[in-house]
Amino acid sequence: MLKNGSIERFRYWNNRMPTIIDALYQQNKEAIAIVSRADEVSVAADLDNKLKKHLIMAAASYFESEVRSCIEQMAVQASGNNIYVVSLIKQKAIERQYHTYFDWDKGNANRFFAHFGEDFKNRCKREVDNDAELTAAMRAFVDLGDMRNKLAHLNFAQYPIDKTSEEVYAQYEKALVFLAYIKRRLLETENTDEPI
């Protein structure tokens, strides 16, 4: 069970520095605002439609990079920086494997948690299930990954996204809490039963 103030600690731990996703969103929203002020409503709507798809792809790619890096850091810590173990983990558990970490269409992270053992899975599942904000963050994270897969494999140009760019960006911000949770669970608690 998560201790009180857990989400705030996740945010603090994540040190919410602006990411490239924040810059992408802000720059494009400024461009859309300029076009809108010029009474180019259809151009602004088209740009916003493109922005939400690019945000999904960029956010999911960012999360993939961060999770892969976290797993590599965990391998370095756990192995005492044994280059052979780290190389094996990179080749067999990290490279071209991210898509297998989650059951994207199921809306949860149980498969990801299970990769680290039954105890880890049960503890994380219990923590997520007992914290509504963390549950919402996990769902936002997994949903962005699922939408990314659909855009990548079901015709990016034509696939409809039934959200605004603001909603996609808000979902990304919410999902950052789950990313911070993953990082903290894998890197800071080092196989203890201590609640976060």
C-alpha atoms as a PDB file:
ATOM      1  CA  MET A   1       0.000   0.000   0.000  1.00  0.00           C
ATOM      2  CA  LEU A   2       1.286   3.437  -0.848  1.00  0.00           C
ATOM      3  CA  LYS A   3       1.974   5.884   1.941  1.00  0.00           C
ATOM      4  CA  ASN A   4       0.159   9.199   2.056  1.00  0.00           C
ATOM      5  CA  GLY A   5       1.502  11.801  -0.331  1.00  0.00           C
ATOM      6  CA  SER A   6       2.875   9.081  -2.590  1.00  0.00           C
ATOM      7  CA  ILE A   7       1.980  10.754  -5.868  1.00  0.00           C
ATOM      8  CA  GLU A   8       3.611  14.001  -4.781  1.00  0.00           C
ATOM      9  CA  ARG A   9       6.752  12.037  -3.914  1.00  0.00           C
ATOM     10  CA  PHE A  10       6.660  10.423  -7.366  1.00  0.00           C
ATOM     11  CA  ARG A  11       6.447  13.846  -8.949  1.00  0.00           C
ATOM     12  CA  TYR A  12       9.291  15.098  -6.776  1.00  0.00           C
ATOM     13  CA  TRP A  13      11.357  11.989  -7.509  1.00  0.00           C
ATOM     14  CA  ASN A  14      10.762  12.459 -11.237  1.00  0.00           C
ATOM     15  CA  ASN A  15      11.958  16.071 -10.782  1.00  0.00           C
ATOM     16  CA  ARG A  16       9.459  17.234 -13.390  1.00  0.00           C
ATOM     17  CA  MET A  17      11.938  18.968 -15.609  1.00  0.00           C
ATOM     18  CA  PRO A  18      10.483  19.959 -18.977  1.00  0.00           C
ATOM     19  CA  THR A  19      10.988  17.265 -21.581  1.00  0.00           C
ATOM     20  CA  ILE A  20      11.205  17.398 -25.351  1.00  0.00           C
ATOM     21  CA  ILE A  21       7.484  16.504 -25.343  1.00  0.00           C
ATOM     22  CA  ASP A  22       6.685  19.690 -23.419  1.00  0.00           C
ATOM     23  CA  ALA A  23       8.678  21.726 -25.946  1.00  0.00           C
ATOM     24  CA  LEU A  24       6.993  19.989 -28.903  1.00  0.00           C
ATOM     25  CA  TYR A  25       3.562  20.729 -27.488  1.00  0.00           C
ATOM     26  CA  GLN A  26       4.272  24.366 -26.580  1.00  0.00           C
ATOM     27  CA  GLN A  27       5.932  25.235 -29.896  1.00  0.00           C
ATOM     28  CA  ASN A  28       3.120  23.687 -31.925  1.00  0.00           C
ATOM     29  CA  LYS A  29       0.384  25.270 -29.812  1.00  0.00           C
ATOM     30  CA  GLU A  30       2.032  28.657 -30.413  1.00  0.00           C
ATOM     31  CA  ALA A  31       2.083  28.007 -34.175  1.00  0.00           C
ATOM     32  CA  ILE A  32      -1.586  26.965 -34.100  1.00  0.00           C
ATOM     33  CA  ALA A  33      -2.458  30.133 -32.160  1.00  0.00           C
ATOM     34  CA  ILE A  34      -0.711  32.305 -34.781  1.00  0.00           C
ATOM     35  CA  VAL A  35      -2.596  30.586 -37.591  1.00  0.00           C
ATOM     36  CA  SER A  36      -5.872  30.911 -35.670  1.00  0.00           C
ATOM     37  CA  ARG A  37      -5.337  34.640 -35.144  1.00  0.00           C
ATOM     38  CA  ALA A  38      -4.936  34.936 -38.918  1.00  0.00           C
ATOM     39  CA  ASP A  39      -8.458  33.480 -39.284  1.00  0.00           C
ATOM     40  CA  GLU A  40      -7.136  30.278 -40.858  1.00  0.00           C
ATOM     41  CA  VAL A  41      -9.482  28.059 -38.883  1.00  0.00           C
ATOM     42  CA  SER A  42      -9.262  25.004 -41.167  1.00  0.00           C
ATOM     43  CA  VAL A  43      -5.445  25.202 -41.235  1.00  0.00           C
ATOM     44  CA  ALA A  44      -5.385  25.480 -37.424  1.00  0.00           C
ATOM     45  CA  ALA A  45      -7.683  22.445 -37.095  1.00  0.00           C
ATOM     46  CA  ASP A  46      -5.487  20.447 -39.481  1.00  0.00           C
ATOM     47  CA  LEU A  47      -2.342  21.406 -37.547  1.00  0.00           C
ATOM     48  CA  ASP A  48      -3.999  20.428 -34.266  1.00  0.00           C
ATOM     49  CA  ASN A  49      -5.014  17.062 -35.741  1.00  0.00           C
ATOM     50  CA  LYS A  50      -1.404  16.443 -36.761  1.00  0.00           C
ATOM     51  CA  LEU A  51      -0.098  17.653 -33.416  1.00  0.00           C
ATOM     52  CA  LYS A  52      -2.119  15.125 -31.411  1.00  0.00           C
ATOM     53  CA  LYS A  53      -0.767  12.244 -33.507  1.00  0.00           C
ATOM     54  CA  HIS A  54       2.796  13.502 -33.213  1.00  0.00           C
ATOM     55  CA  LEU A  55       2.342  13.953 -29.464  1.00  0.00           C
ATOM     56  CA  ILE A  56       1.187  10.356 -29.104  1.00  0.00           C
ATOM     57  CA  MET A  57       4.146   9.028 -31.087  1.00  0.00           C
ATOM     58  CA  ALA A  58       6.640  11.291 -29.318  1.00  0.00           C
ATOM     59  CA  ALA A  59       5.305  10.621 -25.808  1.00  0.00           C
ATOM     60  CA  ALA A  60       5.228   6.842 -26.296  1.00  0.00           C
ATOM     61  CA  SER A  61       8.724   6.936 -27.774  1.00  0.00           C
ATOM     62  CA  TYR A  62       9.930   9.018 -24.821  1.00  0.00           C
ATOM     63  CA  PHE A  63       8.413   6.536 -22.377  1.00  0.00           C
ATOM     64  CA  GLU A  64      10.027   3.631 -24.214  1.00  0.00           C
ATOM     65  CA  SER A  65      13.421   5.297 -24.034  1.00  0.00           C
ATOM     66  CA  GLU A  66      13.026   6.056 -20.326  1.00  0.00           C
ATOM     67  CA  VAL A  67      11.818   2.559 -19.379  1.00  0.00           C
ATOM     68  CA  ARG A  68      14.581   0.881 -21.385  1.00  0.00           C
ATOM     69  CA  SER A  69      17.166   3.141 -19.752  1.00  0.00           C
ATOM     70  CA  CYS A  70      15.731   2.355 -16.324  1.00  0.00           C
ATOM     71  CA  ILE A  71      15.976  -1.386 -16.918  1.00  0.00           C
ATOM     72  CA  GLU A  72      19.566  -0.989 -18.070  1.00  0.00           C
ATOM     73  CA  GLN A  73      20.361   1.064 -14.942  1.00  0.00           C
ATOM     74  CA  MET A  74      18.752  -1.637 -12.832  1.00  0.00           C
ATOM     75  CA  ALA A  75      20.939  -4.262 -14.521  1.00  0.00           C
ATOM     76  CA  VAL A  76      24.043  -2.174 -13.821  1.00  0.00           C
ATOM     77  CA  GLN A  77      23.068  -1.767 -10.149  1.00  0.00           C
ATOM     78  CA  ALA A  78      22.037  -5.376  -9.610  1.00  0.00           C
ATOM     79  CA  SER A  79      25.115  -6.823 -11.309  1.00  0.00           C
ATOM     80  CA  GLY A  80      27.625  -4.445  -9.769  1.00  0.00           C
ATOM     81  CA  ASN A  81      28.256  -3.091 -13.279  1.00  0.00           C
ATOM     82  CA  ASN A  82      29.234  -6.509 -14.628  1.00  0.00           C
ATOM     83  CA  ILE A  83      29.615  -5.726 -18.336  1.00  0.00           C
ATOM     84  CA  TYR A  84      28.753  -9.290 -19.344  1.00  0.00           C
ATOM     85  CA  VAL A  85      25.481  -9.329 -17.447  1.00  0.00           C
ATOM     86  CA  VAL A  86      24.583  -5.826 -18.648  1.00  0.00           C
ATOM     87  CA  SER A  87      25.356  -6.815 -22.239  1.00  0.00           C
ATOM     88  CA  LEU A  88      23.176  -9.916 -21.963  1.00  0.00           C
ATOM     89  CA  ILE A  89      20.296  -7.905 -20.475  1.00  0.00           C
ATOM     90  CA  LYS A  90      20.613  -5.268 -23.207  1.00  0.00           C
ATOM     91  CA  GLN A  91      20.647  -7.842 -25.998  1.00  0.00           C
ATOM     92  CA  LYS A  92      17.970 -10.216 -24.721  1.00  0.00           C
ATOM     93  CA  ALA A  93      15.700  -8.107 -22.508  1.00  0.00           C
ATOM     94  CA  ILE A  94      15.945  -4.547 -23.828  1.00  0.00           C
ATOM     95  CA  GLU A  95      16.755  -4.304 -27.549  1.00  0.00           C
ATOM     96  CA  ARG A  96      13.608  -4.693 -29.655  1.00  0.00           C
ATOM     97  CA  GLN A  97      11.653  -5.969 -26.647  1.00  0.00           C
ATOM     98  CA  TYR A  98       9.705  -2.973 -25.364  1.00  0.00           C
ATOM     99  CA  HIS A  99       6.605  -3.901 -27.337  1.00  0.00           C
ATOM    100  CA  THR A 100       6.492  -7.178 -25.372  1.00  0.00           C
ATOM    101  CA  TYR A 101       6.664  -5.539 -21.930  1.00  0.00           C
ATOM    102  CA  PHE A 102       2.970  -4.631 -21.767  1.00  0.00           C
ATOM    103  CA  ASP A 103      -0.374  -6.018 -22.918  1.00  0.00           C
ATOM    104  CA  TRP A 104      -1.155  -2.663 -24.501  1.00  0.00           C
ATOM    105  CA  ASP A 105      -4.791  -3.361 -25.256  1.00  0.00           C
ATOM    106  CA  LYS A 106      -5.630  -4.592 -21.728  1.00  0.00           C
ATOM    107  CA  GLY A 107      -5.173  -1.214 -20.043  1.00  0.00           C
ATOM    108  CA  ASN A 108      -2.905  -2.385 -17.236  1.00  0.00           C
ATOM    109  CA  ALA A 109       0.767  -3.016 -16.473  1.00  0.00           C
ATOM    110  CA  ASN A 110       0.478  -6.498 -14.961  1.00  0.00           C
ATOM    111  CA  ARG A 111       2.553  -8.094 -17.712  1.00  0.00           C
ATOM    112  CA  PHE A 112       5.334  -5.546 -17.178  1.00  0.00           C
ATOM    113  CA  PHE A 113       5.318  -6.117 -13.425  1.00  0.00           C
ATOM    114  CA  ALA A 114       5.396  -9.907 -13.931  1.00  0.00           C
ATOM    115  CA  HIS A 115       8.680  -9.704 -15.838  1.00  0.00           C
ATOM    116  CA  PHE A 116      10.363  -8.913 -12.514  1.00  0.00           C
ATOM    117  CA  GLY A 117       8.885 -11.847 -10.607  1.00  0.00           C
ATOM    118  CA  GLU A 118       5.663 -12.787  -8.867  1.00  0.00           C
ATOM    119  CA  ASP A 119       6.436 -10.875  -5.646  1.00  0.00           C
ATOM    120  CA  PHE A 120       7.230  -7.686  -7.563  1.00  0.00           C
ATOM    121  CA  LYS A 121       4.083  -8.079  -9.680  1.00  0.00           C
ATOM    122  CA  ASN A 122       1.839  -8.633  -6.665  1.00  0.00           C
ATOM    123  CA  ARG A 123       3.321  -5.713  -4.725  1.00  0.00           C
ATOM    124  CA  CYS A 124       3.068  -3.287  -7.666  1.00  0.00           C
ATOM    125  CA  LYS A 125      -0.401  -4.441  -8.638  1.00  0.00           C
ATOM    126  CA  ARG A 126      -1.569  -3.944  -5.043  1.00  0.00           C
ATOM    127  CA  GLU A 127       0.006  -0.473  -4.863  1.00  0.00           C
ATOM    128  CA  VAL A 128      -1.505   0.617  -8.167  1.00  0.00           C
ATOM    129  CA  ASP A 129      -4.919  -0.855  -7.345  1.00  0.00           C
ATOM    130  CA  ASN A 130      -4.996   0.929  -3.977  1.00  0.00           C
ATOM    131  CA  ASP A 131      -4.198   4.394  -5.336  1.00  0.00           C
ATOM    132  CA  ALA A 132      -6.728   5.941  -7.720  1.00  0.00           C
ATOM    133  CA  GLU A 133      -4.326   8.561  -9.070  1.00  0.00           C
ATOM    134  CA  LEU A 134      -1.610   5.979  -9.713  1.00  0.00           C
ATOM    135  CA  THR A 135      -4.180   3.714 -11.400  1.00  0.00           C
ATOM    136  CA  ALA A 136      -5.195   6.595 -13.678  1.00  0.00           C
ATOM    137  CA  ALA A 137      -1.530   7.348 -14.428  1.00  0.00           C
ATOM    138  CA  MET A 138      -0.878   3.698 -15.312  1.00  0.00           C
ATOM    139  CA  ARG A 139      -3.892   3.621 -17.617  1.00  0.00           C
ATOM    140  CA  ALA A 140      -2.783   6.861 -19.291  1.00  0.00           C
ATOM    141  CA  PHE A 141       0.694   5.385 -19.851  1.00  0.00           C
ATOM    142  CA  VAL A 142      -0.607   2.121 -21.310  1.00  0.00           C
ATOM    143  CA  ASP A 143      -3.244   3.888 -23.417  1.00  0.00           C
ATOM    144  CA  LEU A 144      -0.611   6.142 -25.003  1.00  0.00           C
ATOM    145  CA  GLY A 145       1.415   3.036 -25.869  1.00  0.00           C
ATOM    146  CA  ASP A 146      -1.659   1.378 -27.340  1.00  0.00           C
ATOM    147  CA  MET A 147      -2.527   4.454 -29.420  1.00  0.00           C
ATOM    148  CA  ARG A 148       1.083   4.647 -30.601  1.00  0.00           C
ATOM    149  CA  ASN A 149       0.918   1.051 -31.809  1.00  0.00           C
ATOM    150  CA  LYS A 150      -2.329   1.707 -33.650  1.00  0.00           C
ATOM    151  CA  LEU A 151      -0.923   4.803 -35.332  1.00  0.00           C
ATOM    152  CA  ALA A 152       2.239   2.933 -36.325  1.00  0.00           C
ATOM    153  CA  HIS A 153       0.494  -0.156 -37.656  1.00  0.00           C
ATOM    154  CA  LEU A 154      -2.963   0.983 -38.788  1.00  0.00           C
ATOM    155  CA  ASN A 155      -2.128   3.811 -41.218  1.00  0.00           C
ATOM    156  CA  PHE A 156      -0.863   6.857 -39.304  1.00  0.00           C
ATOM    157  CA  ALA A 157      -2.330   9.346 -41.790  1.00  0.00           C
ATOM    158  CA  GLN A 158      -5.872   7.979 -41.645  1.00  0.00           C
ATOM    159  CA  TYR A 159      -6.187   6.516 -38.170  1.00  0.00           C
ATOM    160  CA  PRO A 160      -8.647   8.665 -36.165  1.00  0.00           C
ATOM    161  CA  ILE A 161      -7.744   9.926 -32.702  1.00  0.00           C
ATOM    162  CA  ASP A 162     -10.844  10.924 -30.738  1.00  0.00           C
ATOM    163  CA  LYS A 163      -8.996  13.320 -28.445  1.00  0.00           C
ATOM    164  CA  THR A 164      -7.812  16.876 -28.746  1.00  0.00           C
ATOM    165  CA  SER A 165      -4.122  17.728 -28.570  1.00  0.00           C
ATOM    166  CA  GLU A 166      -4.816  19.229 -25.123  1.00  0.00           C
ATOM    167  CA  GLU A 167      -6.306  15.923 -23.965  1.00  0.00           C
ATOM    168  CA  VAL A 168      -3.349  13.961 -25.346  1.00  0.00           C
ATOM    169  CA  TYR A 169      -0.908  16.312 -23.622  1.00  0.00           C
ATOM    170  CA  ALA A 170      -2.826  16.048 -20.329  1.00  0.00           C
ATOM    171  CA  GLN A 171      -2.716  12.263 -20.679  1.00  0.00           C
ATOM    172  CA  TYR A 172       1.053  12.429 -21.211  1.00  0.00           C
ATOM    173  CA  GLU A 173       1.441  14.554 -18.076  1.00  0.00           C
ATOM    174  CA  LYS A 174      -0.659  12.083 -16.089  1.00  0.00           C
ATOM    175  CA  ALA A 175       1.377   9.137 -17.450  1.00  0.00           C
ATOM    176  CA  LEU A 176       4.594  10.764 -16.203  1.00  0.00           C
ATOM    177  CA  VAL A 177       3.498   9.836 -12.683  1.00  0.00           C
ATOM    178  CA  PHE A 178       3.463   6.163 -13.662  1.00  0.00           C
ATOM    179  CA  LEU A 179       6.873   6.493 -15.332  1.00  0.00           C
ATOM    180  CA  ALA A 180       8.242   7.949 -12.101  1.00  0.00           C
ATOM    181  CA  TYR A 181       6.647   5.065 -10.183  1.00  0.00           C
ATOM    182  CA  ILE A 182       8.369   2.531 -12.458  1.00  0.00           C
ATOM    183  CA  LYS A 183      11.715   4.263 -12.006  1.00  0.00           C
ATOM    184  CA  ARG A 184      11.357   4.420  -8.273  1.00  0.00           C
ATOM    185  CA  ARG A 185      10.200   0.830  -7.934  1.00  0.00           C
ATOM    186  CA  LEU A 186      12.991  -0.547 -10.108  1.00  0.00           C
ATOM    187  CA  LEU A 187      15.848   1.675  -8.933  1.00  0.00           C
ATOM    188  CA  GLU A 188      15.261   2.842  -5.372  1.00  0.00           C
ATOM    189  CA  THR A 189      13.599   0.105  -3.373  1.00  0.00           C
ATOM    190  CA  GLU A 190      15.982  -2.657  -4.467  1.00  0.00           C
ATOM    191  CA  ASN A 191      13.824  -5.718  -3.839  1.00  0.00           C
ATOM    192  CA  THR A 192      12.449  -4.775  -0.443  1.00  0.00           C
ATOM    193  CA  ASP A 193       8.869  -4.948   0.744  1.00  0.00           C
ATOM    194  CA  GLU A 194       9.046  -1.386   2.025  1.00  0.00           C
ATOM    195  CA  PRO A 195       6.104   0.660   0.754  1.00  0.00           C
ATOM    196  CA  ILE A 196       6.866   3.685  -1.328  1.00  0.00           C
END
